[in-house]
Amino acid sequence: IVNEIAEYKDKIELDTQRLKEVEGRLNLINSLKSKYGSTI
């Protein structure tokens, strides 16, 4: 299992710009949920 996890880790690419975009959208969604309720 350790080898499989290590191989998987090596295949993962970190896209910091995409991460920022997703975090921004999640923050917006959470803000809207606070304003309008959790059923948006």
C-alpha atoms as a PDB file:
ATOM      1  CA  ILE A   1       0.000   0.000   0.000  1.00  0.00           C
ATOM      2  CA  VAL A   2       2.827   2.407   0.809  1.00  0.00           C
ATOM      3  CA  ASN A   3       4.276   2.032  -2.679  1.00  0.00           C
ATOM      4  CA  GLU A   4       0.875   2.605  -4.283  1.00  0.00           C
ATOM      5  CA  ILE A   5       0.359   5.774  -2.257  1.00  0.00           C
ATOM      6  CA  ALA A   6       3.834   7.023  -3.163  1.00  0.00           C
ATOM      7  CA  GLU A   7       3.162   6.396  -6.860  1.00  0.00           C
ATOM      8  CA  TYR A   8      -0.184   8.166  -6.645  1.00  0.00           C
ATOM      9  CA  LYS A   9       1.413  11.132  -4.883  1.00  0.00           C
ATOM     10  CA  ASP A  10       3.968  11.465  -7.665  1.00  0.00           C
ATOM     11  CA  LYS A  11       1.186  11.621 -10.286  1.00  0.00           C
ATOM     12  CA  ILE A  12      -0.696  14.468  -8.607  1.00  0.00           C
ATOM     13  CA  GLU A  13      -0.065  17.880 -10.143  1.00  0.00           C
ATOM     14  CA  LEU A  14      -0.437  21.029  -8.061  1.00  0.00           C
ATOM     15  CA  ASP A  15      -2.100  23.853  -9.962  1.00  0.00           C
ATOM     16  CA  THR A  16      -2.009  26.810  -7.586  1.00  0.00           C
ATOM     17  CA  GLN A  17      -4.025  29.076  -9.900  1.00  0.00           C
ATOM     18  CA  ARG A  18      -6.826  26.512 -10.169  1.00  0.00           C
ATOM     19  CA  LEU A  19      -6.732  25.999  -6.403  1.00  0.00           C
ATOM     20  CA  LYS A  20      -7.210  29.751  -5.864  1.00  0.00           C
ATOM     21  CA  GLU A  21     -10.144  29.774  -8.302  1.00  0.00           C
ATOM     22  CA  VAL A  22     -11.857  26.878  -6.542  1.00  0.00           C
ATOM     23  CA  GLU A  23     -11.269  28.381  -3.101  1.00  0.00           C
ATOM     24  CA  GLY A  24     -12.738  31.679  -4.312  1.00  0.00           C
ATOM     25  CA  ARG A  25     -15.850  29.954  -5.613  1.00  0.00           C
ATOM     26  CA  LEU A  26     -16.251  28.005  -2.378  1.00  0.00           C
ATOM     27  CA  ASN A  27     -15.946  31.236  -0.389  1.00  0.00           C
ATOM     28  CA  LEU A  28     -18.607  32.841  -2.600  1.00  0.00           C
ATOM     29  CA  ILE A  29     -20.930  29.854  -2.178  1.00  0.00           C
ATOM     30  CA  ASN A  30     -20.480  29.899   1.591  1.00  0.00           C
ATOM     31  CA  SER A  31     -21.148  33.645   1.646  1.00  0.00           C
ATOM     32  CA  LEU A  32     -24.351  33.162  -0.338  1.00  0.00           C
ATOM     33  CA  LYS A  33     -25.395  30.331   1.972  1.00  0.00           C
ATOM     34  CA  SER A  34     -24.935  32.631   4.957  1.00  0.00           C
ATOM     35  CA  LYS A  35     -26.982  35.362   3.292  1.00  0.00           C
ATOM     36  CA  TYR A  36     -29.800  33.280   1.767  1.00  0.00           C
ATOM     37  CA  GLY A  37     -29.751  30.043   3.742  1.00  0.00           C
ATOM     38  CA  SER A  38     -28.191  26.695   3.008  1.00  0.00           C
ATOM     39  CA  THR A  39     -30.635  25.751   0.239  1.00  0.00           C
ATOM     40  CA  ILE A  40     -29.063  27.724  -2.605  1.00  0.00           C
END
